[in-house]
Amino acid sequence: MSDERMQSLPAWSALAVTICLMVGCASSSDQVTAWGEISLAPGDTGSCSSNPCRVFFEMPDGDGMYRVTGTGFTIGDYPAGERVMIGSFFESTAIKVEDAGVPPAYIYIPGTASDVH
């Protein structure tokens, strides 16, 4: 093997390890990209290429209704365990299910603020 190939081998090995680590970290929740409408679940991060963007949300299991909130506002009350349409969004927001013990979902809308926490 030539000296040039031997020198590039550690760089390729480091790149391969980095990619594997990134895939492993990203696999705990979904990265969703769509245009016009998007389906999210708790823990997902979505990027919608349209403004507005219609958002469907997989409600966590449980009994009764859960309150769903956006960044600084109430979205509504929805039944546990259902796929629901929570609205058309014009701004990026964090979607939280109150008192459900699940991680928030994040929706990013083009041309809006990215600080949605």
PDB file of N, CA and C in Angstrom:
ATOM      1  N   MET A   1       0.847  -1.160   0.000  1.00  0.00           N
ATOM      2  CA  MET A   1       0.000   0.000   0.000  1.00  0.00           C
ATOM      3  C   MET A   1       0.901   1.233   0.000  1.00  0.00           C
ATOM      4  N   SER A   2       0.520   2.248  -0.762  1.00  0.00           N
ATOM      5  CA  SER A   2       1.347   3.450  -0.864  1.00  0.00           C
ATOM      6  C   SER A   2       1.260   4.270   0.414  1.00  0.00           C
ATOM      7  N   ASP A   3       2.280   5.141   0.609  1.00  0.00           N
ATOM      8  CA  ASP A   3       2.297   6.008   1.785  1.00  0.00           C
ATOM      9  C   ASP A   3       1.075   6.917   1.829  1.00  0.00           C
ATOM     10  N   GLU A   4       0.643   7.410   0.666  1.00  0.00           N
ATOM     11  CA  GLU A   4      -0.514   8.311   0.610  1.00  0.00           C
ATOM     12  C   GLU A   4      -1.774   7.606   1.095  1.00  0.00           C
ATOM     13  N   ARG A   5      -1.958   6.357   0.690  1.00  0.00           N
ATOM     14  CA  ARG A   5      -3.127   5.592   1.137  1.00  0.00           C
ATOM     15  C   ARG A   5      -3.053   5.301   2.628  1.00  0.00           C
ATOM     16  N   MET A   6      -1.887   5.000   3.127  1.00  0.00           N
ATOM     17  CA  MET A   6      -1.714   4.714   4.547  1.00  0.00           C
ATOM     18  C   MET A   6      -2.037   5.943   5.397  1.00  0.00           C
ATOM     19  N   GLN A   7      -1.690   7.137   4.906  1.00  0.00           N
ATOM     20  CA  GLN A   7      -1.958   8.358   5.661  1.00  0.00           C
ATOM     21  C   GLN A   7      -3.446   8.678   5.679  1.00  0.00           C
ATOM     22  N   SER A   8      -4.183   8.354   4.634  1.00  0.00           N
ATOM     23  CA  SER A   8      -5.608   8.683   4.594  1.00  0.00           C
ATOM     24  C   SER A   8      -6.467   7.650   5.324  1.00  0.00           C
ATOM     25  N   LEU A   9      -5.910   6.479   5.631  1.00  0.00           N
ATOM     26  CA  LEU A   9      -6.666   5.436   6.311  1.00  0.00           C
ATOM     27  C   LEU A   9      -7.189   5.883   7.679  1.00  0.00           C
ATOM     28  N   PRO A  10      -6.380   6.512   8.547  1.00  0.00           N
ATOM     29  CA  PRO A  10      -6.922   6.963   9.840  1.00  0.00           C
ATOM     30  C   PRO A  10      -8.040   7.989   9.677  1.00  0.00           C
ATOM     31  N   ALA A  11      -7.943   8.856   8.695  1.00  0.00           N
ATOM     32  CA  ALA A  11      -8.987   9.854   8.477  1.00  0.00           C
ATOM     33  C   ALA A  11     -10.303   9.178   8.092  1.00  0.00           C
ATOM     34  N   TRP A  12     -10.234   8.193   7.188  1.00  0.00           N
ATOM     35  CA  TRP A  12     -11.447   7.478   6.799  1.00  0.00           C
ATOM     36  C   TRP A  12     -12.008   6.679   7.965  1.00  0.00           C
ATOM     37  N   SER A  13     -11.156   6.103   8.770  1.00  0.00           N
ATOM     38  CA  SER A  13     -11.621   5.344   9.934  1.00  0.00           C
ATOM     39  C   SER A  13     -12.341   6.259  10.919  1.00  0.00           C
ATOM     40  N   ALA A  14     -11.786   7.426  11.163  1.00  0.00           N
ATOM     41  CA  ALA A  14     -12.408   8.393  12.070  1.00  0.00           C
ATOM     42  C   ALA A  14     -13.760   8.847  11.523  1.00  0.00           C
ATOM     43  N   LEU A  15     -13.840   9.071  10.220  1.00  0.00           N
ATOM     44  CA  LEU A  15     -15.094   9.476   9.596  1.00  0.00           C
ATOM     45  C   LEU A  15     -16.152   8.383   9.751  1.00  0.00           C
ATOM     46  N   ALA A  16     -15.752   7.136   9.527  1.00  0.00           N
ATOM     47  CA  ALA A  16     -16.692   6.019   9.643  1.00  0.00           C
ATOM     48  C   ALA A  16     -17.218   5.897  11.074  1.00  0.00           C
ATOM     49  N   VAL A  17     -16.347   6.043  12.055  1.00  0.00           N
ATOM     50  CA  VAL A  17     -16.761   5.967  13.459  1.00  0.00           C
ATOM     51  C   VAL A  17     -17.708   7.115  13.785  1.00  0.00           C
ATOM     52  N   THR A  18     -17.402   8.319  13.328  1.00  0.00           N
ATOM     53  CA  THR A  18     -18.251   9.485  13.579  1.00  0.00           C
ATOM     54  C   THR A  18     -19.641   9.288  12.998  1.00  0.00           C
ATOM     55  N   ILE A  19     -19.725   8.783  11.785  1.00  0.00           N
ATOM     56  CA  ILE A  19     -21.023   8.543  11.151  1.00  0.00           C
ATOM     57  C   ILE A  19     -21.817   7.508  11.940  1.00  0.00           C
ATOM     58  N   CYS A  20     -21.176   6.444  12.376  1.00  0.00           N
ATOM     59  CA  CYS A  20     -21.863   5.417  13.156  1.00  0.00           C
ATOM     60  C   CYS A  20     -22.399   5.989  14.464  1.00  0.00           C
ATOM     61  N   LEU A  21     -21.622   6.823  15.120  1.00  0.00           N
ATOM     62  CA  LEU A  21     -22.079   7.445  16.367  1.00  0.00           C
ATOM     63  C   LEU A  21     -23.251   8.383  16.123  1.00  0.00           C
ATOM     64  N   MET A  22     -23.199   9.150  15.043  1.00  0.00           N
ATOM     65  CA  MET A  22     -24.284  10.064  14.726  1.00  0.00           C
ATOM     66  C   MET A  22     -25.567   9.296  14.429  1.00  0.00           C
ATOM     67  N   VAL A  23     -25.492   8.228  13.698  1.00  0.00           N
ATOM     68  CA  VAL A  23     -26.666   7.426  13.380  1.00  0.00           C
ATOM     69  C   VAL A  23     -27.234   6.829  14.661  1.00  0.00           C
ATOM     70  N   GLY A  24     -26.376   6.357  15.532  1.00  0.00           N
ATOM     71  CA  GLY A  24     -26.824   5.791  16.799  1.00  0.00           C
ATOM     72  C   GLY A  24     -27.519   6.814  17.667  1.00  0.00           C
ATOM     73  N   CYS A  25     -27.018   8.030  17.731  1.00  0.00           N
ATOM     74  CA  CYS A  25     -27.642   9.078  18.531  1.00  0.00           C
ATOM     75  C   CYS A  25     -28.955   9.530  17.922  1.00  0.00           C
ATOM     76  N   ALA A  26     -29.028   9.601  16.632  1.00  0.00           N
ATOM     77  CA  ALA A  26     -30.229  10.089  15.963  1.00  0.00           C
ATOM     78  C   ALA A  26     -31.341   9.053  15.943  1.00  0.00           C
ATOM     79  N   SER A  27     -31.038   7.808  16.227  1.00  0.00           N
ATOM     80  CA  SER A  27     -32.053   6.779  16.096  1.00  0.00           C
ATOM     81  C   SER A  27     -33.025   6.729  17.265  1.00  0.00           C
ATOM     82  N   SER A  28     -32.810   7.504  18.327  1.00  0.00           N
ATOM     83  CA  SER A  28     -33.723   7.474  19.458  1.00  0.00           C
ATOM     84  C   SER A  28     -35.031   8.185  19.156  1.00  0.00           C
ATOM     85  N   SER A  29     -35.080   9.039  18.163  1.00  0.00           N
ATOM     86  CA  SER A  29     -36.313   9.673  17.712  1.00  0.00           C
ATOM     87  C   SER A  29     -36.200   9.897  16.211  1.00  0.00           C
ATOM     88  N   ASP A  30     -37.345  10.177  15.609  1.00  0.00           N
ATOM     89  CA  ASP A  30     -37.351  10.332  14.158  1.00  0.00           C
ATOM     90  C   ASP A  30     -37.069  11.768  13.740  1.00  0.00           C
ATOM     91  N   GLN A  31     -36.386  11.895  12.622  1.00  0.00           N
ATOM     92  CA  GLN A  31     -36.206  13.161  11.917  1.00  0.00           C
ATOM     93  C   GLN A  31     -37.137  13.095  10.723  1.00  0.00           C
ATOM     94  N   VAL A  32     -38.153  13.925  10.708  1.00  0.00           N
ATOM     95  CA  VAL A  32     -39.183  13.864   9.681  1.00  0.00           C
ATOM     96  C   VAL A  32     -39.105  15.119   8.828  1.00  0.00           C
ATOM     97  N   THR A  33     -39.132  14.950   7.519  1.00  0.00           N
ATOM     98  CA  THR A  33     -39.138  16.081   6.592  1.00  0.00           C
ATOM     99  C   THR A  33     -40.294  15.899   5.625  1.00  0.00           C
ATOM    100  N   ALA A  34     -41.040  16.983   5.407  1.00  0.00           N
ATOM    101  CA  ALA A  34     -42.194  16.879   4.517  1.00  0.00           C
ATOM    102  C   ALA A  34     -42.536  18.248   3.940  1.00  0.00           C
ATOM    103  N   TRP A  35     -43.482  18.253   2.998  1.00  0.00           N
ATOM    104  CA  TRP A  35     -43.994  19.484   2.420  1.00  0.00           C
ATOM    105  C   TRP A  35     -45.512  19.447   2.544  1.00  0.00           C
ATOM    106  N   GLY A  36     -46.113  20.523   3.056  1.00  0.00           N
ATOM    107  CA  GLY A  36     -47.562  20.637   3.128  1.00  0.00           C
ATOM    108  C   GLY A  36     -48.169  20.090   4.395  1.00  0.00           C
ATOM    109  N   GLU A  37     -47.783  18.877   4.782  1.00  0.00           N
ATOM    110  CA  GLU A  37     -48.261  18.305   6.030  1.00  0.00           C
ATOM    111  C   GLU A  37     -47.230  17.321   6.547  1.00  0.00           C
ATOM    112  N   ILE A  38     -47.281  17.113   7.860  1.00  0.00           N
ATOM    113  CA  ILE A  38     -46.268  16.282   8.499  1.00  0.00           C
ATOM    114  C   ILE A  38     -46.916  15.499   9.635  1.00  0.00           C
ATOM    115  N   SER A  39     -46.431  14.300   9.897  1.00  0.00           N
ATOM    116  CA  SER A  39     -46.896  13.485  11.018  1.00  0.00           C
ATOM    117  C   SER A  39     -45.758  13.339  12.006  1.00  0.00           C
ATOM    118  N   LEU A  40     -46.042  13.681  13.252  1.00  0.00           N
ATOM    119  CA  LEU A  40     -45.038  13.621  14.314  1.00  0.00           C
ATOM    120  C   LEU A  40     -45.561  12.797  15.484  1.00  0.00           C
ATOM    121  N   ALA A  41     -44.637  12.339  16.305  1.00  0.00           N
ATOM    122  CA  ALA A  41     -44.937  11.657  17.553  1.00  0.00           C
ATOM    123  C   ALA A  41     -44.031  12.265  18.623  1.00  0.00           C
ATOM    124  N   PRO A  42     -44.335  12.043  19.896  1.00  0.00           N
ATOM    125  CA  PRO A  42     -43.454  12.566  20.942  1.00  0.00           C
ATOM    126  C   PRO A  42     -41.994  12.171  20.696  1.00  0.00           C
ATOM    127  N   GLY A  43     -41.093  13.132  20.823  1.00  0.00           N
ATOM    128  CA  GLY A  43     -39.669  12.896  20.618  1.00  0.00           C
ATOM    129  C   GLY A  43     -39.183  13.150  19.204  1.00  0.00           C
ATOM    130  N   ASP A  44     -40.102  13.304  18.246  1.00  0.00           N
ATOM    131  CA  ASP A  44     -39.720  13.547  16.853  1.00  0.00           C
ATOM    132  C   ASP A  44     -39.303  14.998  16.643  1.00  0.00           C
ATOM    133  N   THR A  45     -38.498  15.214  15.621  1.00  0.00           N
ATOM    134  CA  THR A  45     -38.173  16.555  15.136  1.00  0.00           C
ATOM    135  C   THR A  45     -38.571  16.592  13.671  1.00  0.00           C
ATOM    136  N   GLY A  46     -39.410  17.551  13.328  1.00  0.00           N
ATOM    137  CA  GLY A  46     -39.894  17.651  11.967  1.00  0.00           C
ATOM    138  C   GLY A  46     -39.521  18.963  11.327  1.00  0.00           C
ATOM    139  N   SER A  47     -39.268  18.904  10.051  1.00  0.00           N
ATOM    140  CA  SER A  47     -38.986  20.094   9.259  1.00  0.00           C
ATOM    141  C   SER A  47     -39.955  20.091   8.087  1.00  0.00           C
ATOM    142  N   CYS A  48     -40.810  21.094   8.041  1.00  0.00           N
ATOM    143  CA  CYS A  48     -41.798  21.191   6.983  1.00  0.00           C
ATOM    144  C   CYS A  48     -41.335  22.254   5.998  1.00  0.00           C
ATOM    145  N   SER A  49     -41.380  21.959   4.729  1.00  0.00           N
ATOM    146  CA  SER A  49     -40.871  22.870   3.706  1.00  0.00           C
ATOM    147  C   SER A  49     -41.913  23.866   3.225  1.00  0.00           C
ATOM    148  N   SER A  50     -43.093  23.880   3.837  1.00  0.00           N
ATOM    149  CA  SER A  50     -44.138  24.819   3.426  1.00  0.00           C
ATOM    150  C   SER A  50     -44.564  25.661   4.631  1.00  0.00           C
ATOM    151  N   ASN A  51     -45.159  26.791   4.341  1.00  0.00           N
ATOM    152  CA  ASN A  51     -45.684  27.658   5.384  1.00  0.00           C
ATOM    153  C   ASN A  51     -47.023  28.188   4.902  1.00  0.00           C
ATOM    154  N   PRO A  52     -48.147  27.734   5.491  1.00  0.00           N
ATOM    155  CA  PRO A  52     -48.263  26.927   6.710  1.00  0.00           C
ATOM    156  C   PRO A  52     -48.006  25.442   6.450  1.00  0.00           C
ATOM    157  N   CYS A  53     -47.938  24.704   7.557  1.00  0.00           N
ATOM    158  CA  CYS A  53     -47.743  23.257   7.495  1.00  0.00           C
ATOM    159  C   CYS A  53     -48.782  22.596   8.397  1.00  0.00           C
ATOM    160  N   ARG A  54     -49.567  21.677   7.823  1.00  0.00           N
ATOM    161  CA  ARG A  54     -50.558  20.947   8.615  1.00  0.00           C
ATOM    162  C   ARG A  54     -49.837  19.864   9.404  1.00  0.00           C
ATOM    163  N   VAL A  55     -50.149  19.760  10.706  1.00  0.00           N
ATOM    164  CA  VAL A  55     -49.446  18.826  11.583  1.00  0.00           C
ATOM    165  C   VAL A  55     -50.413  17.795  12.143  1.00  0.00           C
ATOM    166  N   PHE A  56     -50.077  16.517  11.913  1.00  0.00           N
ATOM    167  CA  PHE A  56     -50.753  15.394  12.540  1.00  0.00           C
ATOM    168  C   PHE A  56     -49.844  14.906  13.663  1.00  0.00           C
ATOM    169  N   PHE A  57     -50.447  14.450  14.751  1.00  0.00           N
ATOM    170  CA  PHE A  57     -49.659  14.081  15.931  1.00  0.00           C
ATOM    171  C   PHE A  57     -50.182  12.779  16.509  1.00  0.00           C
ATOM    172  N   GLU A  58     -49.254  11.851  16.791  1.00  0.00           N
ATOM    173  CA  GLU A  58     -49.576  10.585  17.440  1.00  0.00           C
ATOM    174  C   GLU A  58     -49.613  10.809  18.941  1.00  0.00           C
ATOM    175  N   MET A  59     -50.804  10.786  19.515  1.00  0.00           N
ATOM    176  CA  MET A  59     -50.942  10.991  20.953  1.00  0.00           C
ATOM    177  C   MET A  59     -50.421   9.760  21.702  1.00  0.00           C
ATOM    178  N   PRO A  60     -49.797   9.979  22.858  1.00  0.00           N
ATOM    179  CA  PRO A  60     -49.296   8.836  23.641  1.00  0.00           C
ATOM    180  C   PRO A  60     -50.454   8.014  24.196  1.00  0.00           C
ATOM    181  N   ASP A  61     -50.146   6.761  24.509  1.00  0.00           N
ATOM    182  CA  ASP A  61     -51.147   5.891  25.125  1.00  0.00           C
ATOM    183  C   ASP A  61     -51.535   6.429  26.489  1.00  0.00           C
ATOM    184  N   GLY A  62     -52.679   6.029  26.943  1.00  0.00           N
ATOM    185  CA  GLY A  62     -53.171   6.451  28.252  1.00  0.00           C
ATOM    186  C   GLY A  62     -54.683   6.410  28.250  1.00  0.00           C
ATOM    187  N   ASP A  63     -55.266   7.033  29.246  1.00  0.00           N
ATOM    188  CA  ASP A  63     -56.718   7.100  29.368  1.00  0.00           C
ATOM    189  C   ASP A  63     -57.179   8.538  29.244  1.00  0.00           C
ATOM    190  N   GLY A  64     -58.293   8.735  28.591  1.00  0.00           N
ATOM    191  CA  GLY A  64     -58.893  10.060  28.538  1.00  0.00           C
ATOM    192  C   GLY A  64     -58.208  10.988  27.559  1.00  0.00           C
ATOM    193  N   MET A  65     -58.148  12.252  27.964  1.00  0.00           N
ATOM    194  CA  MET A  65     -57.647  13.322  27.112  1.00  0.00           C
ATOM    195  C   MET A  65     -56.334  13.878  27.668  1.00  0.00           C
ATOM    196  N   TYR A  66     -55.499  14.367  26.769  1.00  0.00           N
ATOM    197  CA  TYR A  66     -54.279  15.071  27.144  1.00  0.00           C
ATOM    198  C   TYR A  66     -54.333  16.476  26.556  1.00  0.00           C
ATOM    199  N   ARG A  67     -53.798  17.435  27.290  1.00  0.00           N
ATOM    200  CA  ARG A  67     -53.656  18.796  26.784  1.00  0.00           C
ATOM    201  C   ARG A  67     -52.342  18.888  26.011  1.00  0.00           C
ATOM    202  N   VAL A  68     -52.410  19.438  24.813  1.00  0.00           N
ATOM    203  CA  VAL A  68     -51.240  19.626  23.962  1.00  0.00           C
ATOM    204  C   VAL A  68     -50.971  21.123  23.876  1.00  0.00           C
ATOM    205  N   THR A  69     -49.702  21.488  24.081  1.00  0.00           N
ATOM    206  CA  THR A  69     -49.327  22.903  24.031  1.00  0.00           C
ATOM    207  C   THR A  69     -48.211  23.120  23.016  1.00  0.00           C
ATOM    208  N   GLY A  70     -48.168  24.345  22.503  1.00  0.00           N
ATOM    209  CA  GLY A  70     -47.072  24.784  21.659  1.00  0.00           C
ATOM    210  C   GLY A  70     -46.186  25.694  22.487  1.00  0.00           C
ATOM    211  N   THR A  71     -45.242  26.352  21.864  1.00  0.00           N
ATOM    212  CA  THR A  71     -44.349  27.261  22.580  1.00  0.00           C
ATOM    213  C   THR A  71     -45.135  28.503  22.989  1.00  0.00           C
ATOM    214  N   GLY A  72     -45.624  28.508  24.240  1.00  0.00           N
ATOM    215  CA  GLY A  72     -46.332  29.668  24.776  1.00  0.00           C
ATOM    216  C   GLY A  72     -47.824  29.706  24.499  1.00  0.00           C
ATOM    217  N   PHE A  73     -48.432  28.619  24.003  1.00  0.00           N
ATOM    218  CA  PHE A  73     -49.868  28.633  23.748  1.00  0.00           C
ATOM    219  C   PHE A  73     -50.445  27.220  23.840  1.00  0.00           C
ATOM    220  N   THR A  74     -51.739  27.141  24.115  1.00  0.00           N
ATOM    221  CA  THR A  74     -52.434  25.859  24.157  1.00  0.00           C
ATOM    222  C   THR A  74     -52.936  25.518  22.760  1.00  0.00           C
ATOM    223  N   ILE A  75     -52.650  24.288  22.323  1.00  0.00           N
ATOM    224  CA  ILE A  75     -53.131  23.817  21.027  1.00  0.00           C
ATOM    225  C   ILE A  75     -54.525  23.215  21.191  1.00  0.00           C
ATOM    226  N   GLY A  76     -54.721  22.375  22.209  1.00  0.00           N
ATOM    227  CA  GLY A  76     -56.035  21.789  22.460  1.00  0.00           C
ATOM    228  C   GLY A  76     -55.944  20.525  23.290  1.00  0.00           C
ATOM    229  N   ASP A  77     -57.089  19.908  23.516  1.00  0.00           N
ATOM    230  CA  ASP A  77     -57.188  18.651  24.261  1.00  0.00           C
ATOM    231  C   ASP A  77     -57.535  17.543  23.275  1.00  0.00           C
ATOM    232  N   TYR A  78     -56.798  16.419  23.351  1.00  0.00           N
ATOM    233  CA  TYR A  78     -56.957  15.346  22.381  1.00  0.00           C
ATOM    234  C   TYR A  78     -56.966  13.995  23.091  1.00  0.00           C
ATOM    235  N   PRO A  79     -57.634  12.987  22.493  1.00  0.00           N
ATOM    236  CA  PRO A  79     -57.732  11.666  23.122  1.00  0.00           C
ATOM    237  C   PRO A  79     -56.405  10.895  23.077  1.00  0.00           C
ATOM    238  N   ALA A  80     -56.125  10.200  24.164  1.00  0.00           N
ATOM    239  CA  ALA A  80     -54.923   9.364  24.249  1.00  0.00           C
ATOM    240  C   ALA A  80     -54.968   8.263  23.205  1.00  0.00           C
ATOM    241  N   GLY A  81     -53.778   7.934  22.650  1.00  0.00           N
ATOM    242  CA  GLY A  81     -53.641   6.807  21.744  1.00  0.00           C
ATOM    243  C   GLY A  81     -54.162   7.014  20.334  1.00  0.00           C
ATOM    244  N   GLU A  82     -54.528   8.230  19.977  1.00  0.00           N
ATOM    245  CA  GLU A  82     -55.081   8.516  18.648  1.00  0.00           C
ATOM    246  C   GLU A  82     -54.103   9.334  17.811  1.00  0.00           C
ATOM    247  N   ARG A  83     -54.259   9.248  16.490  1.00  0.00           N
ATOM    248  CA  ARG A  83     -53.552  10.150  15.570  1.00  0.00           C
ATOM    249  C   ARG A  83     -54.510  11.294  15.308  1.00  0.00           C
ATOM    250  N   VAL A  84     -54.082  12.505  15.650  1.00  0.00           N
ATOM    251  CA  VAL A  84     -54.968  13.667  15.562  1.00  0.00           C
ATOM    252  C   VAL A  84     -54.330  14.765  14.706  1.00  0.00           C
ATOM    253  N   MET A  85     -55.187  15.591  14.102  1.00  0.00           N
ATOM    254  CA  MET A  85     -54.704  16.759  13.362  1.00  0.00           C
ATOM    255  C   MET A  85     -54.752  17.918  14.348  1.00  0.00           C
ATOM    256  N   ILE A  86     -53.575  18.471  14.676  1.00  0.00           N
ATOM    257  CA  ILE A  86     -53.526  19.516  15.695  1.00  0.00           C
ATOM    258  C   ILE A  86     -53.499  20.922  15.108  1.00  0.00           C
ATOM    259  N   GLY A  87     -53.515  21.044  13.789  1.00  0.00           N
ATOM    260  CA  GLY A  87     -53.622  22.362  13.184  1.00  0.00           C
ATOM    261  C   GLY A  87     -52.610  22.598  12.086  1.00  0.00           C
ATOM    262  N   SER A  88     -52.738  23.783  11.485  1.00  0.00           N
ATOM    263  CA  SER A  88     -51.779  24.239  10.478  1.00  0.00           C
ATOM    264  C   SER A  88     -50.912  25.308  11.134  1.00  0.00           C
ATOM    265  N   PHE A  89     -49.615  25.097  11.084  1.00  0.00           N
ATOM    266  CA  PHE A  89     -48.689  25.966  11.806  1.00  0.00           C
ATOM    267  C   PHE A  89     -47.969  26.913  10.850  1.00  0.00           C
ATOM    268  N   PHE A  90     -47.875  28.169  11.269  1.00  0.00           N
ATOM    269  CA  PHE A  90     -47.181  29.206  10.516  1.00  0.00           C
ATOM    270  C   PHE A  90     -45.821  29.520  11.132  1.00  0.00           C
ATOM    271  N   GLU A  91     -45.561  28.989  12.338  1.00  0.00           N
ATOM    272  CA  GLU A  91     -44.327  29.264  13.074  1.00  0.00           C
ATOM    273  C   GLU A  91     -43.753  27.966  13.637  1.00  0.00           C
ATOM    274  N   SER A  92     -42.443  27.936  13.805  1.00  0.00           N
ATOM    275  CA  SER A  92     -41.784  26.802  14.456  1.00  0.00           C
ATOM    276  C   SER A  92     -42.251  26.745  15.910  1.00  0.00           C
ATOM    277  N   THR A  93     -42.372  25.537  16.452  1.00  0.00           N
ATOM    278  CA  THR A  93     -42.836  25.397  17.831  1.00  0.00           C
ATOM    279  C   THR A  93     -42.423  24.054  18.418  1.00  0.00           C
ATOM    280  N   ALA A  94     -42.379  24.011  19.741  1.00  0.00           N
ATOM    281  CA  ALA A  94     -42.235  22.747  20.469  1.00  0.00           C
ATOM    282  C   ALA A  94     -43.643  22.259  20.778  1.00  0.00           C
ATOM    283  N   ILE A  95     -43.915  20.992  20.554  1.00  0.00           N
ATOM    284  CA  ILE A  95     -45.220  20.407  20.822  1.00  0.00           C
ATOM    285  C   ILE A  95     -45.078  19.522  22.046  1.00  0.00           C
ATOM    286  N   LYS A  96     -45.773  19.887  23.115  1.00  0.00           N
ATOM    287  CA  LYS A  96     -45.668  19.162  24.382  1.00  0.00           C
ATOM    288  C   LYS A  96     -47.018  18.586  24.776  1.00  0.00           C
ATOM    289  N   VAL A  97     -46.979  17.367  25.314  1.00  0.00           N
ATOM    290  CA  VAL A  97     -48.183  16.728  25.834  1.00  0.00           C
ATOM    291  C   VAL A  97     -48.085  16.821  27.353  1.00  0.00           C
ATOM    292  N   GLU A  98     -48.937  17.663  27.933  1.00  0.00           N
ATOM    293  CA  GLU A  98     -48.882  17.922  29.368  1.00  0.00           C
ATOM    294  C   GLU A  98     -49.216  16.665  30.178  1.00  0.00           C
ATOM    295  N   ASP A  99     -48.443  16.430  31.232  1.00  0.00           N
ATOM    296  CA  ASP A  99     -48.666  15.341  32.192  1.00  0.00           C
ATOM    297  C   ASP A  99     -48.649  13.939  31.581  1.00  0.00           C
ATOM    298  N   ALA A 100     -47.988  13.773  30.436  1.00  0.00           N
ATOM    299  CA  ALA A 100     -47.922  12.449  29.808  1.00  0.00           C
ATOM    300  C   ALA A 100     -46.570  11.773  30.017  1.00  0.00           C
ATOM    301  N   GLY A 101     -45.565  12.528  30.457  1.00  0.00           N
ATOM    302  CA  GLY A 101     -44.242  11.941  30.669  1.00  0.00           C
ATOM    303  C   GLY A 101     -43.532  11.551  29.389  1.00  0.00           C
ATOM    304  N   VAL A 102     -43.827  12.246  28.293  1.00  0.00           N
ATOM    305  CA  VAL A 102     -43.181  11.961  27.009  1.00  0.00           C
ATOM    306  C   VAL A 102     -42.377  13.184  26.568  1.00  0.00           C
ATOM    307  N   PRO A 103     -41.335  12.965  25.769  1.00  0.00           N
ATOM    308  CA  PRO A 103     -40.529  14.110  25.306  1.00  0.00           C
ATOM    309  C   PRO A 103     -41.311  14.959  24.306  1.00  0.00           C
ATOM    310  N   PRO A 104     -40.989  16.243  24.222  1.00  0.00           N
ATOM    311  CA  PRO A 104     -41.662  17.099  23.236  1.00  0.00           C
ATOM    312  C   PRO A 104     -41.261  16.727  21.809  1.00  0.00           C
ATOM    313  N   ALA A 105     -42.090  17.105  20.883  1.00  0.00           N
ATOM    314  CA  ALA A 105     -41.763  17.032  19.460  1.00  0.00           C
ATOM    315  C   ALA A 105     -41.474  18.457  19.012  1.00  0.00           C
ATOM    316  N   TYR A 106     -40.698  18.604  17.962  1.00  0.00           N
ATOM    317  CA  TYR A 106     -40.363  19.935  17.457  1.00  0.00           C
ATOM    318  C   TYR A 106     -40.702  20.011  15.982  1.00  0.00           C
ATOM    319  N   ILE A 107     -41.336  21.119  15.591  1.00  0.00           N
ATOM    320  CA  ILE A 107     -41.641  21.355  14.182  1.00  0.00           C
ATOM    321  C   ILE A 107     -40.965  22.660  13.769  1.00  0.00           C
ATOM    322  N   TYR A 108     -40.211  22.584  12.696  1.00  0.00           N
ATOM    323  CA  TYR A 108     -39.527  23.756  12.158  1.00  0.00           C
ATOM    324  C   TYR A 108     -40.194  24.150  10.849  1.00  0.00           C
ATOM    325  N   ILE A 109     -40.612  25.415  10.773  1.00  0.00           N
ATOM    326  CA  ILE A 109     -41.298  25.968   9.609  1.00  0.00           C
ATOM    327  C   ILE A 109     -40.352  26.969   8.955  1.00  0.00           C
ATOM    328  N   PRO A 110     -40.238  26.964   7.623  1.00  0.00           N
ATOM    329  CA  PRO A 110     -39.288  27.866   6.966  1.00  0.00           C
ATOM    330  C   PRO A 110     -39.597  29.344   7.234  1.00  0.00           C
ATOM    331  N   GLY A 111     -38.519  30.107   7.394  1.00  0.00           N
ATOM    332  CA  GLY A 111     -38.636  31.556   7.565  1.00  0.00           C
ATOM    333  C   GLY A 111     -39.106  31.983   8.933  1.00  0.00           C
ATOM    334  N   THR A 112     -39.074  31.091   9.929  1.00  0.00           N
ATOM    335  CA  THR A 112     -39.499  31.458  11.278  1.00  0.00           C
ATOM    336  C   THR A 112     -38.370  31.191  12.263  1.00  0.00           C
ATOM    337  N   ALA A 113     -38.547  31.667  13.482  1.00  0.00           N
ATOM    338  CA  ALA A 113     -37.528  31.530  14.515  1.00  0.00           C
ATOM    339  C   ALA A 113     -37.251  30.056  14.799  1.00  0.00           C
ATOM    340  N   SER A 114     -36.008  29.726  15.059  1.00  0.00           N
ATOM    341  CA  SER A 114     -35.657  28.327  15.347  1.00  0.00           C
ATOM    342  C   SER A 114     -35.595  28.033  16.826  1.00  0.00           C
ATOM    343  N   ASP A 115     -35.764  29.047  17.704  1.00  0.00           N
ATOM    344  CA  ASP A 115     -35.732  28.819  19.137  1.00  0.00           C
ATOM    345  C   ASP A 115     -37.126  28.439  19.601  1.00  0.00           C
ATOM    346  N   VAL A 116     -37.412  27.133  19.642  1.00  0.00           N
ATOM    347  CA  VAL A 116     -38.757  26.669  19.932  1.00  0.00           C
ATOM    348  C   VAL A 116     -38.878  25.998  21.300  1.00  0.00           C
ATOM    349  N   HIS A 117     -37.863  26.072  22.119  1.00  0.00           N
ATOM    350  CA  HIS A 117     -37.893  25.362  23.383  1.00  0.00           C
ATOM    351  C   HIS A 117     -38.775  26.092  24.343  1.00  0.00           C
TER     352      HIS A 117
END
